[in-house]
Amino acid sequence: MIDFNASFQWNDRNRIPQNIVRAQKYLDSQVLKDTDKYVPMRTGILAKSGILGTRIGSGEIEYTAPYAKKLYYGVNIRFSKSRHPLACAKWFEASKAVNKRSWLMEVRRISGGR
């Protein structure tokens, strides 16, 4: 049995087709927007850390609040539902379960895919 791993990385962002760049920017922005209602909310700093910690177009969403990881994987943590009724641990996964299809459809449209 042969193990094989492959990865693809653009070394020159200027050579990435513009429709792909636009699609990635859309996806990053839309994930943050759609996921917000699943992010636990007390002061709003956790959600804002996702906006501030993310470089739109990078393909990586990062919540930089010091307690973000603890809340994301929260075991035995009760989330207040008063400001965000859908707040939960693993908020990206919850949002993806609801929004993945629409995200993919729009990314395909923007990128020129089928």
C-alpha atoms as a PDB file:
ATOM      1  CA  MET A   1       0.000   0.000   0.000  1.00  0.00           C
ATOM      2  CA  ILE A   2       1.349   3.393  -0.974  1.00  0.00           C
ATOM      3  CA  ASP A   3       0.478   6.505   0.973  1.00  0.00           C
ATOM      4  CA  PHE A   4       0.201   9.582  -1.173  1.00  0.00           C
ATOM      5  CA  ASN A   5      -0.482  13.152  -0.143  1.00  0.00           C
ATOM      6  CA  ALA A   6      -0.753  16.047  -2.518  1.00  0.00           C
ATOM      7  CA  SER A   7      -1.323  19.711  -2.006  1.00  0.00           C
ATOM      8  CA  PHE A   8      -1.843  22.609  -4.321  1.00  0.00           C
ATOM      9  CA  GLN A   9      -0.653  26.086  -3.457  1.00  0.00           C
ATOM     10  CA  TRP A  10      -0.520  29.268  -5.481  1.00  0.00           C
ATOM     11  CA  ASN A  11       2.861  30.903  -4.991  1.00  0.00           C
ATOM     12  CA  ASP A  12       1.899  34.051  -6.872  1.00  0.00           C
ATOM     13  CA  ARG A  13      -1.497  35.477  -5.896  1.00  0.00           C
ATOM     14  CA  ASN A  14      -1.360  37.770  -8.928  1.00  0.00           C
ATOM     15  CA  ARG A  15      -1.649  34.729 -11.187  1.00  0.00           C
ATOM     16  CA  ILE A  16      -4.823  33.387  -9.600  1.00  0.00           C
ATOM     17  CA  PRO A  17      -7.746  34.027 -11.953  1.00  0.00           C
ATOM     18  CA  GLN A  18      -9.826  36.980 -10.725  1.00  0.00           C
ATOM     19  CA  ASN A  19     -13.069  34.994 -10.690  1.00  0.00           C
ATOM     20  CA  ILE A  20     -11.471  32.589  -8.191  1.00  0.00           C
ATOM     21  CA  VAL A  21     -10.272  35.496  -6.034  1.00  0.00           C
ATOM     22  CA  ARG A  22     -13.796  36.996  -6.064  1.00  0.00           C
ATOM     23  CA  ALA A  23     -15.345  33.637  -5.195  1.00  0.00           C
ATOM     24  CA  GLN A  24     -13.001  33.186  -2.220  1.00  0.00           C
ATOM     25  CA  LYS A  25     -13.697  36.709  -0.969  1.00  0.00           C
ATOM     26  CA  TYR A  26     -17.431  36.071  -1.269  1.00  0.00           C
ATOM     27  CA  LEU A  27     -17.162  32.782   0.609  1.00  0.00           C
ATOM     28  CA  ASP A  28     -15.081  34.215   3.452  1.00  0.00           C
ATOM     29  CA  SER A  29     -17.453  37.167   3.879  1.00  0.00           C
ATOM     30  CA  GLN A  30     -20.595  35.063   3.644  1.00  0.00           C
ATOM     31  CA  VAL A  31     -19.339  32.470   6.116  1.00  0.00           C
ATOM     32  CA  LEU A  32     -18.692  35.223   8.671  1.00  0.00           C
ATOM     33  CA  LYS A  33     -22.084  36.796   8.010  1.00  0.00           C
ATOM     34  CA  ASP A  34     -24.112  33.569   8.091  1.00  0.00           C
ATOM     35  CA  THR A  35     -22.223  32.136  11.049  1.00  0.00           C
ATOM     36  CA  ASP A  36     -22.643  35.194  13.269  1.00  0.00           C
ATOM     37  CA  LYS A  37     -26.022  34.084  14.634  1.00  0.00           C
ATOM     38  CA  TYR A  38     -24.462  30.824  15.897  1.00  0.00           C
ATOM     39  CA  VAL A  39     -21.587  32.561  17.717  1.00  0.00           C
ATOM     40  CA  PRO A  40     -22.189  32.920  21.462  1.00  0.00           C
ATOM     41  CA  MET A  41     -22.875  36.563  22.286  1.00  0.00           C
ATOM     42  CA  ARG A  42     -22.325  38.339  25.548  1.00  0.00           C
ATOM     43  CA  THR A  43     -20.410  41.501  24.632  1.00  0.00           C
ATOM     44  CA  GLY A  44     -19.929  40.916  20.901  1.00  0.00           C
ATOM     45  CA  ILE A  45     -16.148  40.700  21.164  1.00  0.00           C
ATOM     46  CA  LEU A  46     -16.036  37.034  20.114  1.00  0.00           C
ATOM     47  CA  ALA A  47     -17.922  37.697  16.871  1.00  0.00           C
ATOM     48  CA  LYS A  48     -15.874  40.842  16.218  1.00  0.00           C
ATOM     49  CA  SER A  49     -12.678  38.832  16.717  1.00  0.00           C
ATOM     50  CA  GLY A  50     -13.770  36.693  13.759  1.00  0.00           C
ATOM     51  CA  ILE A  51     -14.047  39.785  11.582  1.00  0.00           C
ATOM     52  CA  LEU A  52     -10.780  41.291  12.797  1.00  0.00           C
ATOM     53  CA  GLY A  53      -8.898  37.984  12.734  1.00  0.00           C
ATOM     54  CA  THR A  54      -9.861  37.121   9.165  1.00  0.00           C
ATOM     55  CA  ARG A  55      -8.182  38.394   6.024  1.00  0.00           C
ATOM     56  CA  ILE A  56     -11.037  38.241   3.514  1.00  0.00           C
ATOM     57  CA  GLY A  57      -9.933  36.188   0.528  1.00  0.00           C
ATOM     58  CA  SER A  58      -7.414  34.089   2.446  1.00  0.00           C
ATOM     59  CA  GLY A  59      -9.752  31.117   2.799  1.00  0.00           C
ATOM     60  CA  GLU A  60      -9.242  31.019   6.559  1.00  0.00           C
ATOM     61  CA  ILE A  61     -11.682  32.317   9.154  1.00  0.00           C
ATOM     62  CA  GLU A  62     -10.045  32.899  12.525  1.00  0.00           C
ATOM     63  CA  TYR A  63     -11.680  33.960  15.778  1.00  0.00           C
ATOM     64  CA  THR A  64      -8.828  35.536  17.725  1.00  0.00           C
ATOM     65  CA  ALA A  65     -10.458  36.189  21.096  1.00  0.00           C
ATOM     66  CA  PRO A  66      -8.391  34.393  23.766  1.00  0.00           C
ATOM     67  CA  TYR A  67     -11.389  32.290  24.821  1.00  0.00           C
ATOM     68  CA  ALA A  68     -12.611  31.458  21.285  1.00  0.00           C
ATOM     69  CA  LYS A  69     -11.174  27.935  21.212  1.00  0.00           C
ATOM     70  CA  LYS A  70     -12.615  27.084  24.622  1.00  0.00           C
ATOM     71  CA  LEU A  71     -16.071  28.252  23.555  1.00  0.00           C
ATOM     72  CA  TYR A  72     -15.857  26.662  20.100  1.00  0.00           C
ATOM     73  CA  TYR A  73     -15.161  23.221  21.526  1.00  0.00           C
ATOM     74  CA  GLY A  74     -17.212  24.036  24.630  1.00  0.00           C
ATOM     75  CA  VAL A  75     -18.064  21.006  26.659  1.00  0.00           C
ATOM     76  CA  ASN A  76     -20.450  21.635  29.522  1.00  0.00           C
ATOM     77  CA  ILE A  77     -20.626  25.337  28.685  1.00  0.00           C
ATOM     78  CA  ARG A  78     -24.076  26.844  28.669  1.00  0.00           C
ATOM     79  CA  PHE A  79     -24.553  29.564  26.110  1.00  0.00           C
ATOM     80  CA  SER A  80     -26.905  32.430  26.723  1.00  0.00           C
ATOM     81  CA  LYS A  81     -29.624  32.370  24.085  1.00  0.00           C
ATOM     82  CA  SER A  82     -30.957  35.849  24.892  1.00  0.00           C
ATOM     83  CA  ARG A  83     -29.055  37.682  22.119  1.00  0.00           C
ATOM     84  CA  HIS A  84     -28.342  34.797  19.764  1.00  0.00           C
ATOM     85  CA  PRO A  85     -30.977  32.070  20.120  1.00  0.00           C
ATOM     86  CA  LEU A  86     -28.953  29.715  17.880  1.00  0.00           C
ATOM     87  CA  ALA A  87     -25.658  30.157  19.777  1.00  0.00           C
ATOM     88  CA  CYS A  88     -23.759  26.903  20.210  1.00  0.00           C
ATOM     89  CA  ALA A  89     -20.357  25.277  20.312  1.00  0.00           C
ATOM     90  CA  LYS A  90     -18.854  24.479  16.892  1.00  0.00           C
ATOM     91  CA  TRP A  91     -20.733  27.430  15.411  1.00  0.00           C
ATOM     92  CA  PHE A  92     -19.086  27.063  11.990  1.00  0.00           C
ATOM     93  CA  GLU A  93     -20.279  23.463  11.712  1.00  0.00           C
ATOM     94  CA  ALA A  94     -23.815  24.527  12.679  1.00  0.00           C
ATOM     95  CA  SER A  95     -23.787  27.276  10.061  1.00  0.00           C
ATOM     96  CA  LYS A  96     -22.280  25.009   7.405  1.00  0.00           C
ATOM     97  CA  ALA A  97     -25.031  22.441   7.950  1.00  0.00           C
ATOM     98  CA  VAL A  98     -27.605  25.089   7.066  1.00  0.00           C
ATOM     99  CA  ASN A  99     -25.756  27.195   4.473  1.00  0.00           C
ATOM    100  CA  LYS A 100     -23.313  24.937   2.628  1.00  0.00           C
ATOM    101  CA  ARG A 101     -25.534  24.415  -0.401  1.00  0.00           C
ATOM    102  CA  SER A 102     -26.136  28.137  -0.981  1.00  0.00           C
ATOM    103  CA  TRP A 103     -22.443  28.920  -0.407  1.00  0.00           C
ATOM    104  CA  LEU A 104     -21.414  26.350  -3.007  1.00  0.00           C
ATOM    105  CA  MET A 105     -24.003  27.471  -5.540  1.00  0.00           C
ATOM    106  CA  GLU A 106     -22.848  31.089  -5.323  1.00  0.00           C
ATOM    107  CA  VAL A 107     -19.148  30.170  -5.423  1.00  0.00           C
ATOM    108  CA  ARG A 108     -19.804  28.135  -8.568  1.00  0.00           C
ATOM    109  CA  ARG A 109     -21.676  31.042 -10.132  1.00  0.00           C
ATOM    110  CA  ILE A 110     -18.963  33.599  -9.292  1.00  0.00           C
ATOM    111  CA  SER A 111     -16.091  31.348 -10.340  1.00  0.00           C
ATOM    112  CA  GLY A 112     -17.721  30.403 -13.612  1.00  0.00           C
ATOM    113  CA  GLY A 113     -18.189  26.777 -12.603  1.00  0.00           C
ATOM    114  CA  ARG A 114     -21.232  24.720 -13.380  1.00  0.00           C
END
